[in-house]
Amino acid sequence: MSQVITVASPADFHVHLRQGSLCALTVPHVKKGGFDLAYVMPNLQPPITTTEQALAYKTQLKTIDPNVEYLMTLYLSPDLTPDEIRKAKQAGIVGVKSYPRGVTTNSDGGIESYETYYPVFETMQEVGMVLNLHGEVPSDPNANIHVLNAEERFLPHLYSLHAKFPSLRIVLEHATSRAAVEAVKKCGPTVACTITAHHLALVVDDWAGQGWNFCKPVAKLPDDRAALRDVILEAGHPRFFLGSDSAPHPPHRKSTSTPSQGCAAGIYTAPILLPLVAHLLESFGALDNLEGFVSTFGRSFYKRELGGTASEVALRKVDVGRAIDEVYQYEENSLVPFWAGKKINWEIV
């Protein structure tokens, strides 16, 4: 008889749903992948910087699929003020996402200095909004900063912000390194960390020369991947939880590059997310910690209740494995998921 496990209210605390006609393909994949909560990133074109923009975007998403809870965020920019933070909190917006300038997709308007935003952070601490940090600094060959150490070089900013605003809830997003794991552990209970499914699978050799596995921050060394796995194995560490960073790009942006333009940074996991995470956690002995990692730890940090029995998702182990779809198509849009064609051992019942 096949093994069946049940997961209470899976929640993805970092997902990109894009905009325009592409949303019609990406939004239903949240539920298809087993999740009923999506923490939505604001790096659209133009970015979501006001309460009105965030609410309008949420309306678009709910029109496509009203069965998912969408938690909205604002993009940290010079236009964001303490008054706008209070307005956003009152409207139910949950967090503010910080992107260092130029480090990833649609981050050209990112920040260069945090001190400018101290009044914003003070207000966020006061009203209870979350600061989400893309934890890298821009590459700088003169300072020996590059994609493999950009995350580690960012960590002093994390320590500084935590010290300055000890009651501000901060999430270091999509950690990829042992240094990041240890840094979050050293911080107090108001600092948490998301880990993606693909960073539990990949190391540097998997994306060097392979655009489909390229994301920012990049996957690091085997020892770094071991640190991510180990913190999930620690009977579940309550401040480390899933944020998929599922980031859709059309195939021509992922599969090709030119001498002046690299392939797009981002890996698409949304439509296979819960079975993929179960497959990965089982592979390194952490399947018993699946529910904490994909649901209860993140919900506790974000103060979101479980959805009850109606939100439980059942997974069944498939001994022969099920091949991941090669491509997802909707009208003129198509997306290739992570591990396309590869077999995984779990499926949603």
C-alpha atoms as a PDB file:
ATOM      1  CA  MET A   1       0.000   0.000   0.000  1.00  0.00           C
ATOM      2  CA  SER A   2       1.301   3.482  -0.894  1.00  0.00           C
ATOM      3  CA  GLN A   3       2.442   5.735   1.930  1.00  0.00           C
ATOM      4  CA  VAL A   4       0.189   8.779   2.448  1.00  0.00           C
ATOM      5  CA  ILE A   5       1.016  11.789   4.610  1.00  0.00           C
ATOM      6  CA  THR A   6      -1.074  14.854   5.393  1.00  0.00           C
ATOM      7  CA  VAL A   7       0.259  18.407   5.673  1.00  0.00           C
ATOM      8  CA  ALA A   8      -1.705  21.141   7.425  1.00  0.00           C
ATOM      9  CA  SER A   9      -2.147  24.417   5.506  1.00  0.00           C
ATOM     10  CA  PRO A  10       1.039  24.629   3.385  1.00  0.00           C
ATOM     11  CA  ALA A  11       2.243  28.213   2.991  1.00  0.00           C
ATOM     12  CA  ASP A  12       4.805  29.618   0.553  1.00  0.00           C
ATOM     13  CA  PHE A  13       6.401  32.664   2.137  1.00  0.00           C
ATOM     14  CA  HIS A  14       8.201  33.945  -0.972  1.00  0.00           C
ATOM     15  CA  VAL A  15       6.757  33.663  -4.476  1.00  0.00           C
ATOM     16  CA  HIS A  16       6.831  35.672  -7.709  1.00  0.00           C
ATOM     17  CA  LEU A  17       3.577  35.729  -9.681  1.00  0.00           C
ATOM     18  CA  ARG A  18       4.541  38.395 -12.240  1.00  0.00           C
ATOM     19  CA  GLN A  19       1.939  40.503 -13.989  1.00  0.00           C
ATOM     20  CA  GLY A  20      -0.104  40.862 -17.142  1.00  0.00           C
ATOM     21  CA  SER A  21      -1.156  37.777 -19.068  1.00  0.00           C
ATOM     22  CA  LEU A  22       1.563  35.647 -17.458  1.00  0.00           C
ATOM     23  CA  CYS A  23      -0.421  35.736 -14.188  1.00  0.00           C
ATOM     24  CA  ALA A  24      -3.096  33.581 -15.773  1.00  0.00           C
ATOM     25  CA  LEU A  25      -0.527  30.771 -15.905  1.00  0.00           C
ATOM     26  CA  THR A  26       1.382  31.342 -12.646  1.00  0.00           C
ATOM     27  CA  VAL A  27      -1.401  32.080 -10.162  1.00  0.00           C
ATOM     28  CA  PRO A  28      -3.287  28.751 -10.483  1.00  0.00           C
ATOM     29  CA  HIS A  29       0.036  26.966  -9.995  1.00  0.00           C
ATOM     30  CA  VAL A  30       0.131  28.035  -6.331  1.00  0.00           C
ATOM     31  CA  LYS A  31      -2.804  25.767  -5.580  1.00  0.00           C
ATOM     32  CA  LYS A  32      -1.650  23.127  -8.077  1.00  0.00           C
ATOM     33  CA  GLY A  33       1.612  22.908  -6.147  1.00  0.00           C
ATOM     34  CA  GLY A  34      -0.249  22.244  -2.895  1.00  0.00           C
ATOM     35  CA  PHE A  35      -0.363  25.702  -1.274  1.00  0.00           C
ATOM     36  CA  ASP A  36      -3.171  27.934  -0.071  1.00  0.00           C
ATOM     37  CA  LEU A  37      -1.069  30.909   1.044  1.00  0.00           C
ATOM     38  CA  ALA A  38       1.314  32.941  -1.119  1.00  0.00           C
ATOM     39  CA  TYR A  39       3.575  35.715   0.172  1.00  0.00           C
ATOM     40  CA  VAL A  40       3.774  37.813  -2.991  1.00  0.00           C
ATOM     41  CA  MET A  41       6.901  39.680  -4.082  1.00  0.00           C
ATOM     42  CA  PRO A  42       6.569  43.294  -5.308  1.00  0.00           C
ATOM     43  CA  ASN A  43       9.330  43.520  -7.952  1.00  0.00           C
ATOM     44  CA  LEU A  44       7.037  44.099 -10.899  1.00  0.00           C
ATOM     45  CA  GLN A  45       7.573  46.644 -13.670  1.00  0.00           C
ATOM     46  CA  PRO A  46       6.997  49.218 -12.256  1.00  0.00           C
ATOM     47  CA  PRO A  47       7.507  47.928  -8.703  1.00  0.00           C
ATOM     48  CA  ILE A  48       4.706  47.894  -6.128  1.00  0.00           C
ATOM     49  CA  THR A  49       5.563  50.894  -3.946  1.00  0.00           C
ATOM     50  CA  THR A  50       2.168  52.113  -2.678  1.00  0.00           C
ATOM     51  CA  THR A  51      -0.773  50.667  -0.819  1.00  0.00           C
ATOM     52  CA  GLU A  52      -3.082  51.328  -3.757  1.00  0.00           C
ATOM     53  CA  GLN A  53      -0.809  49.417  -6.143  1.00  0.00           C
ATOM     54  CA  ALA A  54      -0.555  46.452  -3.780  1.00  0.00           C
ATOM     55  CA  LEU A  55      -4.322  46.257  -3.305  1.00  0.00           C
ATOM     56  CA  ALA A  56      -4.949  46.534  -7.047  1.00  0.00           C
ATOM     57  CA  TYR A  57      -2.458  43.721  -7.680  1.00  0.00           C
ATOM     58  CA  LYS A  58      -4.114  41.583  -5.015  1.00  0.00           C
ATOM     59  CA  THR A  59      -7.471  42.102  -6.705  1.00  0.00           C
ATOM     60  CA  GLN A  60      -5.983  40.873  -9.990  1.00  0.00           C
ATOM     61  CA  LEU A  61      -4.598  37.763  -8.316  1.00  0.00           C
ATOM     62  CA  LYS A  62      -7.863  36.959  -6.530  1.00  0.00           C
ATOM     63  CA  THR A  63      -9.777  37.357  -9.785  1.00  0.00           C
ATOM     64  CA  ILE A  64      -7.630  34.575 -11.249  1.00  0.00           C
ATOM     65  CA  ASP A  65      -7.819  32.281  -8.201  1.00  0.00           C
ATOM     66  CA  PRO A  66      -9.834  33.367  -5.148  1.00  0.00           C
ATOM     67  CA  ASN A  67      -8.967  30.170  -3.235  1.00  0.00           C
ATOM     68  CA  VAL A  68      -5.490  31.320  -2.199  1.00  0.00           C
ATOM     69  CA  GLU A  69      -4.625  33.777   0.588  1.00  0.00           C
ATOM     70  CA  TYR A  70      -2.326  36.413  -0.911  1.00  0.00           C
ATOM     71  CA  LEU A  71      -0.120  38.304   1.524  1.00  0.00           C
ATOM     72  CA  MET A  72       1.064  41.490  -0.130  1.00  0.00           C
ATOM     73  CA  THR A  73       4.337  43.384   0.154  1.00  0.00           C
ATOM     74  CA  LEU A  74       5.744  46.770  -0.835  1.00  0.00           C
ATOM     75  CA  TYR A  75       9.057  47.432  -2.577  1.00  0.00           C
ATOM     76  CA  LEU A  76      11.478  49.428  -0.430  1.00  0.00           C
ATOM     77  CA  SER A  77      12.191  52.632  -2.336  1.00  0.00           C
ATOM     78  CA  PRO A  78      12.863  56.322  -1.606  1.00  0.00           C
ATOM     79  CA  ASP A  79       9.165  57.055  -2.117  1.00  0.00           C
ATOM     80  CA  LEU A  80       8.154  54.880   0.837  1.00  0.00           C
ATOM     81  CA  THR A  81       7.351  56.955   3.925  1.00  0.00           C
ATOM     82  CA  PRO A  82       6.311  56.217   7.510  1.00  0.00           C
ATOM     83  CA  ASP A  83       2.823  57.470   6.703  1.00  0.00           C
ATOM     84  CA  GLU A  84       2.584  55.014   3.804  1.00  0.00           C
ATOM     85  CA  ILE A  85       3.700  52.213   6.124  1.00  0.00           C
ATOM     86  CA  ARG A  86       0.866  53.002   8.535  1.00  0.00           C
ATOM     87  CA  LYS A  87      -1.573  53.144   5.655  1.00  0.00           C
ATOM     88  CA  ALA A  88      -0.321  49.827   4.296  1.00  0.00           C
ATOM     89  CA  LYS A  89      -0.583  48.127   7.676  1.00  0.00           C
ATOM     90  CA  GLN A  90      -4.160  49.312   8.093  1.00  0.00           C
ATOM     91  CA  ALA A  91      -4.957  47.902   4.629  1.00  0.00           C
ATOM     92  CA  GLY A  92      -3.590  44.473   5.568  1.00  0.00           C
ATOM     93  CA  ILE A  93      -0.268  44.616   3.728  1.00  0.00           C
ATOM     94  CA  VAL A  94       2.188  42.426   5.591  1.00  0.00           C
ATOM     95  CA  GLY A  95       5.760  43.310   4.646  1.00  0.00           C
ATOM     96  CA  VAL A  96       8.318  45.403   2.785  1.00  0.00           C
ATOM     97  CA  LYS A  97      10.882  43.789   0.496  1.00  0.00           C
ATOM     98  CA  SER A  98      14.401  45.185   0.201  1.00  0.00           C
ATOM     99  CA  TYR A  99      16.424  44.574  -2.966  1.00  0.00           C
ATOM    100  CA  PRO A 100      20.011  45.806  -3.206  1.00  0.00           C
ATOM    101  CA  ARG A 101      20.386  47.624  -6.489  1.00  0.00           C
ATOM    102  CA  GLY A 102      20.935  45.429  -9.520  1.00  0.00           C
ATOM    103  CA  VAL A 103      21.483  42.067  -7.826  1.00  0.00           C
ATOM    104  CA  THR A 104      18.494  40.199  -9.275  1.00  0.00           C
ATOM    105  CA  THR A 105      15.463  40.425 -11.571  1.00  0.00           C
ATOM    106  CA  ASN A 106      13.761  43.843 -11.595  1.00  0.00           C
ATOM    107  CA  SER A 107      16.020  45.301  -8.883  1.00  0.00           C
ATOM    108  CA  ASP A 108      17.347  48.316 -10.768  1.00  0.00           C
ATOM    109  CA  GLY A 109      15.464  50.531  -8.330  1.00  0.00           C
ATOM    110  CA  GLY A 110      16.934  48.783  -5.304  1.00  0.00           C
ATOM    111  CA  ILE A 111      18.573  50.425  -2.331  1.00  0.00           C
ATOM    112  CA  GLU A 112      22.156  51.489  -1.801  1.00  0.00           C
ATOM    113  CA  SER A 113      22.078  52.504   1.879  1.00  0.00           C
ATOM    114  CA  TYR A 114      19.850  51.394   4.739  1.00  0.00           C
ATOM    115  CA  GLU A 115      20.345  54.447   6.952  1.00  0.00           C
ATOM    116  CA  THR A 116      18.032  56.474   4.725  1.00  0.00           C
ATOM    117  CA  TYR A 117      15.213  54.116   5.639  1.00  0.00           C
ATOM    118  CA  TYR A 118      15.592  54.110   9.406  1.00  0.00           C
ATOM    119  CA  PRO A 119      12.373  56.156   9.905  1.00  0.00           C
ATOM    120  CA  VAL A 120      10.521  53.608   7.746  1.00  0.00           C
ATOM    121  CA  PHE A 121      11.970  50.695   9.730  1.00  0.00           C
ATOM    122  CA  GLU A 122      11.092  52.390  12.999  1.00  0.00           C
ATOM    123  CA  THR A 123       7.484  52.679  11.898  1.00  0.00           C
ATOM    124  CA  MET A 124       7.443  49.083  10.645  1.00  0.00           C
ATOM    125  CA  GLN A 125       8.699  47.960  14.057  1.00  0.00           C
ATOM    126  CA  GLU A 126       5.987  50.052  15.722  1.00  0.00           C
ATOM    127  CA  VAL A 127       3.061  48.724  13.651  1.00  0.00           C
ATOM    128  CA  GLY A 128       4.285  45.138  13.254  1.00  0.00           C
ATOM    129  CA  MET A 129       5.192  44.867   9.573  1.00  0.00           C
ATOM    130  CA  VAL A 130       7.913  42.481   8.372  1.00  0.00           C
ATOM    131  CA  LEU A 131      11.145  43.498   6.610  1.00  0.00           C
ATOM    132  CA  ASN A 132      12.129  40.979   3.931  1.00  0.00           C
ATOM    133  CA  LEU A 133      15.782  41.191   2.917  1.00  0.00           C
ATOM    134  CA  HIS A 134      17.316  39.966  -0.315  1.00  0.00           C
ATOM    135  CA  GLY A 135      20.593  39.234   1.394  1.00  0.00           C
ATOM    136  CA  GLU A 136      23.267  40.076  -1.149  1.00  0.00           C
ATOM    137  CA  VAL A 137      25.443  43.070  -1.919  1.00  0.00           C
ATOM    138  CA  PRO A 138      26.233  44.081  -5.509  1.00  0.00           C
ATOM    139  CA  SER A 139      29.296  42.508  -7.083  1.00  0.00           C
ATOM    140  CA  ASP A 140      32.420  44.675  -7.006  1.00  0.00           C
ATOM    141  CA  PRO A 141      35.653  43.275  -8.460  1.00  0.00           C
ATOM    142  CA  ASN A 142      37.694  45.986  -6.743  1.00  0.00           C
ATOM    143  CA  ALA A 143      36.468  44.715  -3.372  1.00  0.00           C
ATOM    144  CA  ASN A 144      36.586  41.023  -4.362  1.00  0.00           C
ATOM    145  CA  ILE A 145      32.787  40.747  -4.104  1.00  0.00           C
ATOM    146  CA  HIS A 146      31.163  38.237  -6.461  1.00  0.00           C
ATOM    147  CA  VAL A 147      28.136  35.932  -6.675  1.00  0.00           C
ATOM    148  CA  LEU A 148      29.715  33.315  -4.417  1.00  0.00           C
ATOM    149  CA  ASN A 149      30.397  35.655  -1.474  1.00  0.00           C
ATOM    150  CA  ALA A 150      27.772  38.385  -2.021  1.00  0.00           C
ATOM    151  CA  GLU A 151      25.487  36.819   0.597  1.00  0.00           C
ATOM    152  CA  GLU A 152      28.178  36.479   3.240  1.00  0.00           C
ATOM    153  CA  ARG A 153      29.253  40.089   2.640  1.00  0.00           C
ATOM    154  CA  PHE A 154      25.674  41.179   3.262  1.00  0.00           C
ATOM    155  CA  LEU A 155      25.401  39.646   6.738  1.00  0.00           C
ATOM    156  CA  PRO A 156      26.874  42.633   8.645  1.00  0.00           C
ATOM    157  CA  HIS A 157      23.827  44.588   7.405  1.00  0.00           C
ATOM    158  CA  LEU A 158      21.559  41.944   8.931  1.00  0.00           C
ATOM    159  CA  TYR A 159      23.332  42.174  12.291  1.00  0.00           C
ATOM    160  CA  SER A 160      23.239  45.977  12.196  1.00  0.00           C
ATOM    161  CA  LEU A 161      19.527  46.194  11.385  1.00  0.00           C
ATOM    162  CA  HIS A 162      18.665  43.633  14.043  1.00  0.00           C
ATOM    163  CA  ALA A 163      20.679  45.534  16.648  1.00  0.00           C
ATOM    164  CA  LYS A 164      19.160  48.870  15.680  1.00  0.00           C
ATOM    165  CA  PHE A 165      15.575  47.560  15.536  1.00  0.00           C
ATOM    166  CA  PRO A 166      15.426  44.551  17.888  1.00  0.00           C
ATOM    167  CA  SER A 167      11.621  44.281  17.772  1.00  0.00           C
ATOM    168  CA  LEU A 168      11.404  44.498  13.980  1.00  0.00           C
ATOM    169  CA  ARG A 169      10.593  41.135  12.443  1.00  0.00           C
ATOM    170  CA  ILE A 170      13.180  40.499   9.724  1.00  0.00           C
ATOM    171  CA  VAL A 171      13.362  37.633   7.241  1.00  0.00           C
ATOM    172  CA  LEU A 172      16.620  36.874   5.467  1.00  0.00           C
ATOM    173  CA  GLU A 173      15.271  35.548   2.200  1.00  0.00           C
ATOM    174  CA  HIS A 174      16.403  32.457   0.268  1.00  0.00           C
ATOM    175  CA  ALA A 175      19.585  31.732   2.236  1.00  0.00           C
ATOM    176  CA  THR A 176      22.214  29.751   0.358  1.00  0.00           C
ATOM    177  CA  SER A 177      25.244  29.549   2.648  1.00  0.00           C
ATOM    178  CA  ARG A 178      26.432  28.134   5.940  1.00  0.00           C
ATOM    179  CA  ALA A 179      27.405  31.673   6.926  1.00  0.00           C
ATOM    180  CA  ALA A 180      23.811  32.851   6.482  1.00  0.00           C
ATOM    181  CA  VAL A 181      22.391  29.958   8.503  1.00  0.00           C
ATOM    182  CA  GLU A 182      24.777  30.639  11.365  1.00  0.00           C
ATOM    183  CA  ALA A 183      24.053  34.377  11.240  1.00  0.00           C
ATOM    184  CA  VAL A 184      20.307  33.874  11.591  1.00  0.00           C
ATOM    185  CA  LYS A 185      20.823  31.431  14.453  1.00  0.00           C
ATOM    186  CA  LYS A 186      22.882  34.059  16.287  1.00  0.00           C
ATOM    187  CA  CYS A 187      20.102  36.632  16.023  1.00  0.00           C
ATOM    188  CA  GLY A 188      17.130  36.844  18.319  1.00  0.00           C
ATOM    189  CA  PRO A 189      13.609  35.436  17.815  1.00  0.00           C
ATOM    190  CA  THR A 190      12.556  38.346  15.596  1.00  0.00           C
ATOM    191  CA  VAL A 191      14.904  37.211  12.798  1.00  0.00           C
ATOM    192  CA  ALA A 192      13.917  34.308  10.551  1.00  0.00           C
ATOM    193  CA  CYS A 193      15.062  32.832   7.250  1.00  0.00           C
ATOM    194  CA  THR A 194      13.482  31.296   4.176  1.00  0.00           C
ATOM    195  CA  ILE A 195      15.008  28.383   2.272  1.00  0.00           C
ATOM    196  CA  THR A 196      14.000  27.396  -1.250  1.00  0.00           C
ATOM    197  CA  ALA A 197      13.418  23.903  -2.597  1.00  0.00           C
ATOM    198  CA  HIS A 198      15.970  24.349  -5.358  1.00  0.00           C
ATOM    199  CA  HIS A 199      18.734  25.412  -2.977  1.00  0.00           C
ATOM    200  CA  LEU A 200      18.203  22.138  -1.107  1.00  0.00           C
ATOM    201  CA  ALA A 201      18.978  20.355  -4.378  1.00  0.00           C
ATOM    202  CA  LEU A 202      21.632  22.418  -6.194  1.00  0.00           C
ATOM    203  CA  VAL A 203      25.307  23.287  -5.802  1.00  0.00           C
ATOM    204  CA  VAL A 204      27.501  25.534  -7.899  1.00  0.00           C
ATOM    205  CA  ASP A 205      28.331  22.813 -10.425  1.00  0.00           C
ATOM    206  CA  ASP A 206      24.629  22.467 -11.246  1.00  0.00           C
ATOM    207  CA  TRP A 207      24.223  26.009 -12.572  1.00  0.00           C
ATOM    208  CA  ALA A 208      27.672  26.703 -14.035  1.00  0.00           C
ATOM    209  CA  GLY A 209      26.924  26.432 -17.739  1.00  0.00           C
ATOM    210  CA  GLN A 210      23.285  25.430 -17.133  1.00  0.00           C
ATOM    211  CA  GLY A 211      20.924  28.385 -17.388  1.00  0.00           C
ATOM    212  CA  TRP A 212      17.843  26.469 -16.250  1.00  0.00           C
ATOM    213  CA  ASN A 213      19.414  26.141 -12.773  1.00  0.00           C
ATOM    214  CA  PHE A 214      20.616  29.745 -12.547  1.00  0.00           C
ATOM    215  CA  CYS A 215      19.039  31.942  -9.884  1.00  0.00           C
ATOM    216  CA  LYS A 216      20.049  34.756  -7.562  1.00  0.00           C
ATOM    217  CA  PRO A 217      21.415  34.169  -5.045  1.00  0.00           C
ATOM    218  CA  VAL A 218      23.248  31.361  -6.773  1.00  0.00           C
ATOM    219  CA  ALA A 219      23.551  27.908  -5.248  1.00  0.00           C
ATOM    220  CA  LYS A 220      26.858  27.645  -3.407  1.00  0.00           C
ATOM    221  CA  LEU A 221      29.203  24.826  -2.320  1.00  0.00           C
ATOM    222  CA  PRO A 222      28.233  21.335  -1.132  1.00  0.00           C
ATOM    223  CA  ASP A 223      29.016  22.340   2.454  1.00  0.00           C
ATOM    224  CA  ASP A 224      26.611  25.268   2.149  1.00  0.00           C
ATOM    225  CA  ARG A 225      23.855  23.003   0.877  1.00  0.00           C
ATOM    226  CA  ALA A 226      24.605  20.673   3.797  1.00  0.00           C
ATOM    227  CA  ALA A 227      24.053  23.572   6.208  1.00  0.00           C
ATOM    228  CA  LEU A 228      20.611  24.265   4.730  1.00  0.00           C
ATOM    229  CA  ARG A 229      19.674  20.607   5.013  1.00  0.00           C
ATOM    230  CA  ASP A 230      21.067  20.294   8.530  1.00  0.00           C
ATOM    231  CA  VAL A 231      19.025  23.188   9.899  1.00  0.00           C
ATOM    232  CA  ILE A 232      15.848  21.469   8.643  1.00  0.00           C
ATOM    233  CA  LEU A 233      17.031  18.198  10.162  1.00  0.00           C
ATOM    234  CA  GLU A 234      17.477  19.794  13.609  1.00  0.00           C
ATOM    235  CA  ALA A 235      14.068  18.469  14.681  1.00  0.00           C
ATOM    236  CA  GLY A 236      12.964  21.441  12.640  1.00  0.00           C
ATOM    237  CA  HIS A 237      14.332  24.868  13.527  1.00  0.00           C
ATOM    238  CA  PRO A 238      11.313  27.163  13.979  1.00  0.00           C
ATOM    239  CA  ARG A 239      12.944  30.229  12.411  1.00  0.00           C
ATOM    240  CA  PHE A 240      13.805  28.480   9.127  1.00  0.00           C
ATOM    241  CA  PHE A 241      10.910  27.776   6.775  1.00  0.00           C
ATOM    242  CA  LEU A 242       9.951  27.512   3.132  1.00  0.00           C
ATOM    243  CA  GLY A 243       9.962  30.452   0.781  1.00  0.00           C
ATOM    244  CA  SER A 244      10.102  28.988  -2.713  1.00  0.00           C
ATOM    245  CA  ASP A 245      11.350  32.073  -4.570  1.00  0.00           C
ATOM    246  CA  SER A 246       9.541  30.445  -7.495  1.00  0.00           C
ATOM    247  CA  ALA A 247      10.398  32.868 -10.292  1.00  0.00           C
ATOM    248  CA  PRO A 248       8.872  32.343 -13.747  1.00  0.00           C
ATOM    249  CA  HIS A 249      10.712  33.328 -16.905  1.00  0.00           C
ATOM    250  CA  PRO A 250       9.751  32.358 -20.466  1.00  0.00           C
ATOM    251  CA  PRO A 251      11.925  29.600 -21.949  1.00  0.00           C
ATOM    252  CA  HIS A 252      13.792  31.886 -24.341  1.00  0.00           C
ATOM    253  CA  ARG A 253      14.989  33.981 -21.379  1.00  0.00           C
ATOM    254  CA  LYS A 254      16.271  30.918 -19.494  1.00  0.00           C
ATOM    255  CA  SER A 255      17.744  28.852 -22.309  1.00  0.00           C
ATOM    256  CA  THR A 256      19.699  31.477 -24.211  1.00  0.00           C
ATOM    257  CA  SER A 257      22.214  34.218 -23.601  1.00  0.00           C
ATOM    258  CA  THR A 258      24.214  36.624 -25.729  1.00  0.00           C
ATOM    259  CA  PRO A 259      27.699  38.114 -25.324  1.00  0.00           C
ATOM    260  CA  SER A 260      26.097  41.150 -23.695  1.00  0.00           C
ATOM    261  CA  GLN A 261      23.072  39.616 -21.932  1.00  0.00           C
ATOM    262  CA  GLY A 262      23.032  36.617 -19.600  1.00  0.00           C
ATOM    263  CA  CYS A 263      20.098  34.271 -19.069  1.00  0.00           C
ATOM    264  CA  ALA A 264      17.387  35.273 -16.612  1.00  0.00           C
ATOM    265  CA  ALA A 265      17.909  34.591 -12.906  1.00  0.00           C
ATOM    266  CA  GLY A 266      15.078  32.507 -11.490  1.00  0.00           C
ATOM    267  CA  ILE A 267      13.842  28.936 -11.067  1.00  0.00           C
ATOM    268  CA  TYR A 268      10.181  27.952 -11.421  1.00  0.00           C
ATOM    269  CA  THR A 269       8.954  25.474  -8.803  1.00  0.00           C
ATOM    270  CA  ALA A 270       5.388  26.583  -7.974  1.00  0.00           C
ATOM    271  CA  PRO A 271       3.375  23.856  -9.802  1.00  0.00           C
ATOM    272  CA  ILE A 272       5.377  20.992  -8.250  1.00  0.00           C
ATOM    273  CA  LEU A 273       6.361  22.621  -4.975  1.00  0.00           C
ATOM    274  CA  LEU A 274       4.936  20.458  -2.190  1.00  0.00           C
ATOM    275  CA  PRO A 275       5.754  17.085  -3.836  1.00  0.00           C
ATOM    276  CA  LEU A 276       9.230  18.403  -4.669  1.00  0.00           C
ATOM    277  CA  VAL A 277       9.898  19.510  -1.084  1.00  0.00           C
ATOM    278  CA  ALA A 278       8.678  16.156   0.238  1.00  0.00           C
ATOM    279  CA  HIS A 279      10.957  14.354  -2.229  1.00  0.00           C
ATOM    280  CA  LEU A 280      13.955  16.450  -1.206  1.00  0.00           C
ATOM    281  CA  LEU A 281      13.383  16.243   2.550  1.00  0.00           C
ATOM    282  CA  GLU A 282      12.967  12.485   2.318  1.00  0.00           C
ATOM    283  CA  SER A 283      16.260  12.256   0.407  1.00  0.00           C
ATOM    284  CA  PHE A 284      18.209  13.589   3.404  1.00  0.00           C
ATOM    285  CA  GLY A 285      16.112  12.091   6.205  1.00  0.00           C
ATOM    286  CA  ALA A 286      13.971  15.105   7.124  1.00  0.00           C
ATOM    287  CA  LEU A 287      10.523  14.032   5.929  1.00  0.00           C
ATOM    288  CA  ASP A 288       9.197  14.030   9.506  1.00  0.00           C
ATOM    289  CA  ASN A 289       9.876  17.791   9.584  1.00  0.00           C
ATOM    290  CA  LEU A 290       7.942  18.543   6.397  1.00  0.00           C
ATOM    291  CA  GLU A 291       4.896  20.141   8.037  1.00  0.00           C
ATOM    292  CA  GLY A 292       6.967  22.435  10.220  1.00  0.00           C
ATOM    293  CA  PHE A 293       9.092  23.543   7.293  1.00  0.00           C
ATOM    294  CA  VAL A 294       6.260  24.176   4.819  1.00  0.00           C
ATOM    295  CA  SER A 295       3.552  25.360   7.193  1.00  0.00           C
ATOM    296  CA  THR A 296       3.642  25.816  10.940  1.00  0.00           C
ATOM    297  CA  PHE A 297       7.025  27.542  11.384  1.00  0.00           C
ATOM    298  CA  GLY A 298       6.379  30.216   8.785  1.00  0.00           C
ATOM    299  CA  ARG A 299       2.777  30.705   9.850  1.00  0.00           C
ATOM    300  CA  SER A 300       3.883  31.146  13.443  1.00  0.00           C
ATOM    301  CA  PHE A 301       6.469  33.776  12.529  1.00  0.00           C
ATOM    302  CA  TYR A 302       4.007  35.665  10.328  1.00  0.00           C
ATOM    303  CA  LYS A 303       1.157  35.192  12.830  1.00  0.00           C
ATOM    304  CA  ARG A 304      -1.096  33.416  10.328  1.00  0.00           C
ATOM    305  CA  GLU A 305      -3.418  30.755  11.679  1.00  0.00           C
ATOM    306  CA  LEU A 306      -3.711  27.285  10.213  1.00  0.00           C
ATOM    307  CA  GLY A 307      -6.654  26.876   7.889  1.00  0.00           C
ATOM    308  CA  GLY A 308      -8.227  23.851   9.559  1.00  0.00           C
ATOM    309  CA  THR A 309      -8.962  20.448   8.097  1.00  0.00           C
ATOM    310  CA  ALA A 310     -10.280  21.968   4.854  1.00  0.00           C
ATOM    311  CA  SER A 311      -6.767  23.236   4.134  1.00  0.00           C
ATOM    312  CA  GLU A 312      -4.975  19.932   4.719  1.00  0.00           C
ATOM    313  CA  VAL A 313      -3.127  18.502   1.712  1.00  0.00           C
ATOM    314  CA  ALA A 314      -2.493  14.779   1.311  1.00  0.00           C
ATOM    315  CA  LEU A 315       0.649  13.483  -0.401  1.00  0.00           C
ATOM    316  CA  ARG A 316       1.106   9.950  -1.673  1.00  0.00           C
ATOM    317  CA  LYS A 317       4.445   8.250  -2.253  1.00  0.00           C
ATOM    318  CA  VAL A 318       4.806   6.790  -5.729  1.00  0.00           C
ATOM    319  CA  ASP A 319       7.375   4.010  -5.786  1.00  0.00           C
ATOM    320  CA  VAL A 320       8.100   4.231  -9.503  1.00  0.00           C
ATOM    321  CA  GLY A 321       8.217   8.018  -9.449  1.00  0.00           C
ATOM    322  CA  ARG A 322       6.238  10.547 -11.457  1.00  0.00           C
ATOM    323  CA  ALA A 323       7.878  12.575 -14.197  1.00  0.00           C
ATOM    324  CA  ILE A 324       7.603  16.358 -13.808  1.00  0.00           C
ATOM    325  CA  ASP A 325       5.893  18.008 -16.757  1.00  0.00           C
ATOM    326  CA  GLU A 326       8.262  19.322 -19.422  1.00  0.00           C
ATOM    327  CA  VAL A 327       6.360  22.575 -19.973  1.00  0.00           C
ATOM    328  CA  TYR A 328       3.226  24.412 -18.816  1.00  0.00           C
ATOM    329  CA  GLN A 329       1.276  26.291 -21.472  1.00  0.00           C
ATOM    330  CA  TYR A 330      -1.462  28.919 -21.352  1.00  0.00           C
ATOM    331  CA  GLU A 331      -2.362  30.719 -24.575  1.00  0.00           C
ATOM    332  CA  GLU A 332       0.842  32.478 -25.673  1.00  0.00           C
ATOM    333  CA  ASN A 333       2.659  31.889 -22.383  1.00  0.00           C
ATOM    334  CA  SER A 334       4.815  28.868 -21.537  1.00  0.00           C
ATOM    335  CA  LEU A 335       7.020  27.998 -18.571  1.00  0.00           C
ATOM    336  CA  VAL A 336       9.485  25.172 -17.940  1.00  0.00           C
ATOM    337  CA  PRO A 337       9.589  23.993 -14.313  1.00  0.00           C
ATOM    338  CA  PHE A 338      12.578  22.955 -12.248  1.00  0.00           C
ATOM    339  CA  TRP A 339      13.685  19.372 -12.882  1.00  0.00           C
ATOM    340  CA  ALA A 340      11.466  19.137 -15.989  1.00  0.00           C
ATOM    341  CA  GLY A 341      11.188  15.482 -17.025  1.00  0.00           C
ATOM    342  CA  LYS A 342      12.854  14.201 -13.885  1.00  0.00           C
ATOM    343  CA  LYS A 343      10.968  11.760 -11.651  1.00  0.00           C
ATOM    344  CA  ILE A 344      10.012  12.532  -8.060  1.00  0.00           C
ATOM    345  CA  ASN A 345       8.513  10.122  -5.568  1.00  0.00           C
ATOM    346  CA  TRP A 346       5.580  12.119  -4.203  1.00  0.00           C
ATOM    347  CA  GLU A 347       2.329  13.444  -5.650  1.00  0.00           C
ATOM    348  CA  ILE A 348      -0.701  15.312  -4.339  1.00  0.00           C
ATOM    349  CA  VAL A 349      -3.666  12.986  -3.840  1.00  0.00           C
END
